[in-house]
Protein backbone atom coordinates (compact mmCIF):
# COMPACT_ATOMS: atom_id res chain seq x y z
CA UNK A 1 118.83 139.54 165.66
CA UNK A 2 117.77 137.16 162.88
CA UNK A 3 117.12 138.29 159.33
CA UNK A 4 113.39 137.68 159.82
CA UNK A 5 113.36 139.75 163.02
CA UNK A 6 115.25 142.62 161.41
CA UNK A 7 112.96 142.64 158.38
CA UNK A 8 109.76 142.49 160.43
CA UNK A 9 110.94 145.24 162.78
CA UNK A 10 111.29 147.91 160.08
CA UNK A 11 109.14 146.78 157.16
CA UNK A 12 106.15 148.94 158.08
CA UNK A 13 108.39 152.00 158.43
CA UNK A 14 109.49 151.88 154.79
CA UNK A 15 112.87 150.25 155.38
CA UNK A 16 114.12 146.96 153.94
CA UNK A 17 116.71 144.52 155.26
CA UNK A 18 119.49 144.04 152.70
CA UNK A 19 122.75 142.14 153.24
CA UNK A 20 123.07 142.87 156.93
CA UNK A 21 121.88 146.47 156.63
CA UNK A 22 118.65 148.45 156.83
CA UNK A 23 118.04 150.70 153.84
CA UNK A 24 115.40 153.22 152.77
CA UNK A 25 114.94 156.11 150.37
CA UNK A 26 113.44 159.56 150.89
CA UNK A 27 112.11 161.00 147.61
CA UNK A 28 112.78 164.75 147.44
CA UNK A 29 112.35 167.55 144.92
CA UNK A 30 115.81 169.12 145.03
CA UNK A 31 119.35 168.76 146.27
CA UNK A 32 118.66 171.44 148.86
CA UNK A 33 115.77 169.39 150.22
CA UNK A 34 117.95 166.28 150.17
CA UNK A 35 120.53 168.04 152.32
CA UNK A 36 117.84 169.13 154.78
CA UNK A 37 116.48 165.57 155.05
CA UNK A 38 119.95 164.15 155.56
CA UNK A 39 120.61 166.69 158.29
CA UNK A 40 117.37 165.70 160.00
CA UNK A 41 118.36 162.02 159.93
CA UNK A 42 121.79 162.79 161.33
CA UNK A 43 120.26 164.90 164.10
CA UNK A 44 117.92 162.05 165.05
CA UNK A 45 120.85 159.64 165.31
CA UNK A 46 122.91 162.05 167.40
CA UNK A 47 126.17 160.52 168.59
CA UNK A 48 125.23 157.21 166.94
CA UNK A 49 125.37 158.71 163.44
CA UNK A 50 129.10 158.16 162.99
CA UNK A 51 128.95 154.43 163.81
CA UNK A 52 125.56 153.49 162.35
CA UNK A 53 124.34 155.82 159.59
CA UNK A 54 125.42 156.19 155.97
CA UNK A 55 123.84 158.77 153.69
CA UNK A 56 123.82 159.08 149.89
CA UNK A 57 122.52 162.40 148.56
CA UNK A 58 121.04 162.85 145.10
CA UNK A 59 118.85 165.63 143.63
CA UNK A 60 115.75 163.40 143.71
CA UNK A 61 116.35 161.12 146.69
CA UNK A 62 118.26 160.52 149.88
CA UNK A 63 119.28 156.90 150.46
CA UNK A 64 119.83 156.02 154.12
CA UNK A 65 121.61 152.91 155.36
CA UNK A 66 121.82 151.73 158.97
CA UNK A 67 124.27 149.14 160.27
CA UNK A 68 126.54 148.82 163.27
CA UNK A 69 129.92 149.53 161.66
CA UNK A 70 131.66 148.00 164.66
CA UNK A 71 129.97 144.63 164.13
CA UNK A 72 128.99 144.79 160.42
CA UNK A 73 125.45 143.72 161.23
CA UNK A 74 122.04 145.09 162.19
CA UNK A 75 121.45 145.61 165.90
CA UNK A 76 118.48 146.65 168.02
CA UNK A 77 119.97 150.13 168.01
CA UNK A 78 119.76 150.28 164.22
CA UNK A 79 116.10 149.25 164.34
CA UNK A 80 115.37 151.96 166.89
CA UNK A 81 117.16 154.58 164.78
CA UNK A 82 115.24 153.52 161.66
CA UNK A 83 111.91 154.00 163.38
CA UNK A 84 112.94 157.35 164.84
CA UNK A 85 114.20 158.60 161.49
CA UNK A 86 110.96 157.60 159.76
CA UNK A 87 108.90 159.43 162.37
CA UNK A 88 111.03 162.56 161.99
CA UNK A 89 110.80 162.43 158.19
CA UNK A 90 107.01 162.15 158.29
CA UNK A 91 106.90 165.31 160.38
CA UNK A 92 108.47 167.17 157.43
CA UNK A 93 105.76 165.89 155.03
CA UNK A 94 108.14 163.40 153.41
CA UNK A 95 108.30 159.60 153.62
CA UNK A 96 110.82 156.82 154.01
CA UNK A 97 110.08 154.12 151.44
CA UNK A 98 111.83 151.30 149.54
CA UNK A 99 110.53 152.72 146.22
CA UNK A 100 108.78 149.52 145.20
CA UNK A 101 105.92 149.98 142.76
CA UNK A 102 106.10 153.77 142.95
CA UNK A 103 107.34 154.50 139.44
CA UNK A 104 110.82 155.19 140.80
CA UNK A 105 113.75 154.16 138.56
CA UNK A 106 114.33 151.17 140.88
CA UNK A 107 113.90 149.99 144.44
CA UNK A 108 116.57 150.26 147.10
CA UNK A 109 119.19 147.57 146.58
CA UNK A 110 122.78 146.53 147.26
CA UNK A 111 125.19 145.01 144.76
CA UNK A 112 128.04 142.58 145.43
CA UNK A 113 130.66 141.19 143.05
CA UNK A 114 131.20 137.43 143.37
CA UNK A 115 134.47 135.88 142.18
CA UNK A 116 134.79 132.11 141.70
CA UNK A 117 138.22 130.80 142.71
CA UNK A 118 140.07 127.53 143.17
CA UNK A 119 142.37 129.07 145.81
CA UNK A 120 140.66 132.01 147.54
CA UNK A 121 143.54 132.85 149.94
CA UNK A 122 145.88 133.10 146.93
CA UNK A 123 143.81 135.66 145.01
CA UNK A 124 142.16 137.63 147.81
CA UNK A 125 145.24 139.81 148.55
CA UNK A 126 145.36 140.88 144.88
CA UNK A 127 141.75 142.05 144.88
CA UNK A 128 142.23 143.78 148.22
CA UNK A 129 145.21 145.70 146.84
CA UNK A 130 144.01 146.50 143.31
CA UNK A 131 140.61 147.74 144.52
CA UNK A 132 141.95 149.61 147.56
CA UNK A 133 139.56 147.57 149.67
CA UNK A 134 139.68 146.50 153.31
CA UNK A 135 138.48 143.74 155.60
CA UNK A 136 134.94 144.02 156.91
CA UNK A 137 134.70 144.49 160.68
CA UNK A 138 135.26 141.15 162.38
CA UNK A 139 135.89 139.36 159.07
CA UNK A 140 139.57 139.42 158.20
CA UNK A 141 140.03 135.74 157.41
CA UNK A 142 141.77 134.48 154.27
CA UNK A 143 138.45 133.69 152.56
CA UNK A 144 136.28 136.52 153.92
CA UNK A 145 134.64 139.22 151.81
CA UNK A 146 136.26 142.59 151.07
CA UNK A 147 134.57 145.98 151.36
CA UNK A 148 135.14 149.50 150.10
CA UNK A 149 136.44 151.40 153.16
CA UNK A 150 134.56 154.54 152.09
CA UNK A 151 131.34 152.67 151.31
CA UNK A 152 130.90 153.72 147.67
CA UNK A 153 131.58 150.54 145.66
CA UNK A 154 130.17 146.99 145.80
CA UNK A 155 131.59 144.48 148.25
CA UNK A 156 133.55 141.55 146.80
CA UNK A 157 133.09 138.00 148.04
CA UNK A 158 134.70 134.76 146.94
CA UNK A 159 132.98 131.52 145.99
CA UNK A 160 135.03 128.34 146.11
CA UNK A 161 135.26 126.14 143.02
CA UNK A 162 136.25 122.49 143.25
CA UNK A 163 137.49 122.42 139.63
CA UNK A 164 138.31 124.85 136.85
CA UNK A 165 135.42 125.95 134.63
CA UNK A 166 137.06 127.58 131.57
CA UNK A 167 133.82 127.79 129.59
CA UNK A 168 131.86 129.61 132.29
CA UNK A 169 132.20 133.17 133.52
CA UNK A 170 134.06 133.42 136.81
CA UNK A 171 132.80 136.81 138.00
CA UNK A 172 129.13 137.69 138.45
CA UNK A 173 126.99 140.32 140.14
CA UNK A 174 124.73 139.62 143.11
CA UNK A 175 121.87 142.13 143.22
CA UNK A 176 120.28 142.11 146.67
CA UNK A 177 116.76 143.52 146.46
CA UNK A 178 113.90 143.80 148.95
CA UNK A 179 112.16 140.47 149.44
CA UNK A 180 108.94 141.96 148.05
CA UNK A 181 110.72 143.26 144.92
CA UNK A 182 112.53 140.08 143.84
CA UNK A 183 109.87 138.46 141.65
CA UNK A 184 109.13 141.69 139.79
CA UNK A 185 112.84 142.24 139.13
CA UNK A 186 113.22 138.68 137.85
CA UNK A 187 110.18 138.99 135.57
CA UNK A 188 111.58 142.24 134.15
CA UNK A 189 114.97 140.62 133.49
CA UNK A 190 113.39 137.62 131.77
CA UNK A 191 111.24 139.89 129.61
CA UNK A 192 114.42 141.74 128.61
CA UNK A 193 115.90 138.59 127.08
CA UNK A 194 117.31 136.84 130.14
CA UNK A 195 116.75 133.25 131.17
CA UNK A 196 116.36 131.50 134.49
CA UNK A 197 119.33 129.21 135.13
CA UNK A 198 118.33 127.98 138.57
CA UNK A 199 115.77 128.62 141.29
CA UNK A 200 116.77 125.74 143.54
CA UNK A 201 117.99 128.12 146.26
CA UNK A 202 115.11 130.59 145.98
CA UNK A 203 114.14 132.79 147.74
CA UNK A 204 117.75 133.17 148.94
CA UNK A 205 118.80 133.63 145.32
CA UNK A 206 117.82 132.99 141.73
CA UNK A 207 120.51 132.53 139.07
CA UNK A 208 119.77 134.37 135.81
CA UNK A 209 121.79 134.71 132.61
CA UNK A 210 121.83 136.91 129.54
CA UNK A 211 121.64 135.54 125.99
CA UNK A 212 125.39 134.79 126.00
CA UNK A 213 125.38 132.97 129.33
CA UNK A 214 126.78 135.73 131.57
CA UNK A 215 125.21 135.20 134.97
CA UNK A 216 123.76 137.41 137.69
CA UNK A 217 121.97 136.46 140.89
CA UNK A 218 118.93 138.22 142.31
CA UNK A 219 119.16 137.70 146.06
CA UNK A 220 117.09 138.38 149.18
CA UNK A 221 117.50 137.79 152.90
CA UNK A 222 114.83 135.10 152.88
CA UNK A 223 115.70 131.42 153.06
CA UNK A 224 118.97 132.04 154.89
CA UNK A 225 118.03 131.73 158.55
CA UNK A 226 118.26 128.22 159.97
């Protein structure tokens, strides 16, 4: 399933495609209601819950993520589960939504840490050990990304440098946002004192920097399919 296909399949159900996952939020009024909504989503998924669904409970929202953990990608099964969960949530007078333009603190998103390196295979084992991270399913190569095995912290990926850059930061954040949230997020960051470093790869990513030159990338799934 391409990124475009995955996005189109769930967009109208309040889900967004982010970094090989489907993600949505259910606004709730209490932790008790959050637990009930999470239980409903798990019941809808049935036996697939353990290999496809991740749930984050907070007093004001439930964040749901769908991905085939066996393949580390979105499958047709994940799309089907997203639609079924949204239908079940609507039956309880709640909604699944990406929290874009709703007055929510922020939209759904995923964050990655990017590390620039001259020799990725030489430094990757250190980061794997010091963070307690693991290889992503099907991606255990010497230059592949690392993930939190319990799914709480940002993934780490490595970007190859062809020469040392001592005057430039070597670690930056990638903030993956819904494709229909990116421009608003960028405008907000620029208004807060940031500057646009590069948009040559937009809409895959925009490179921004703070007043001291520390960089962050706002990324989307768009512009990445062949």
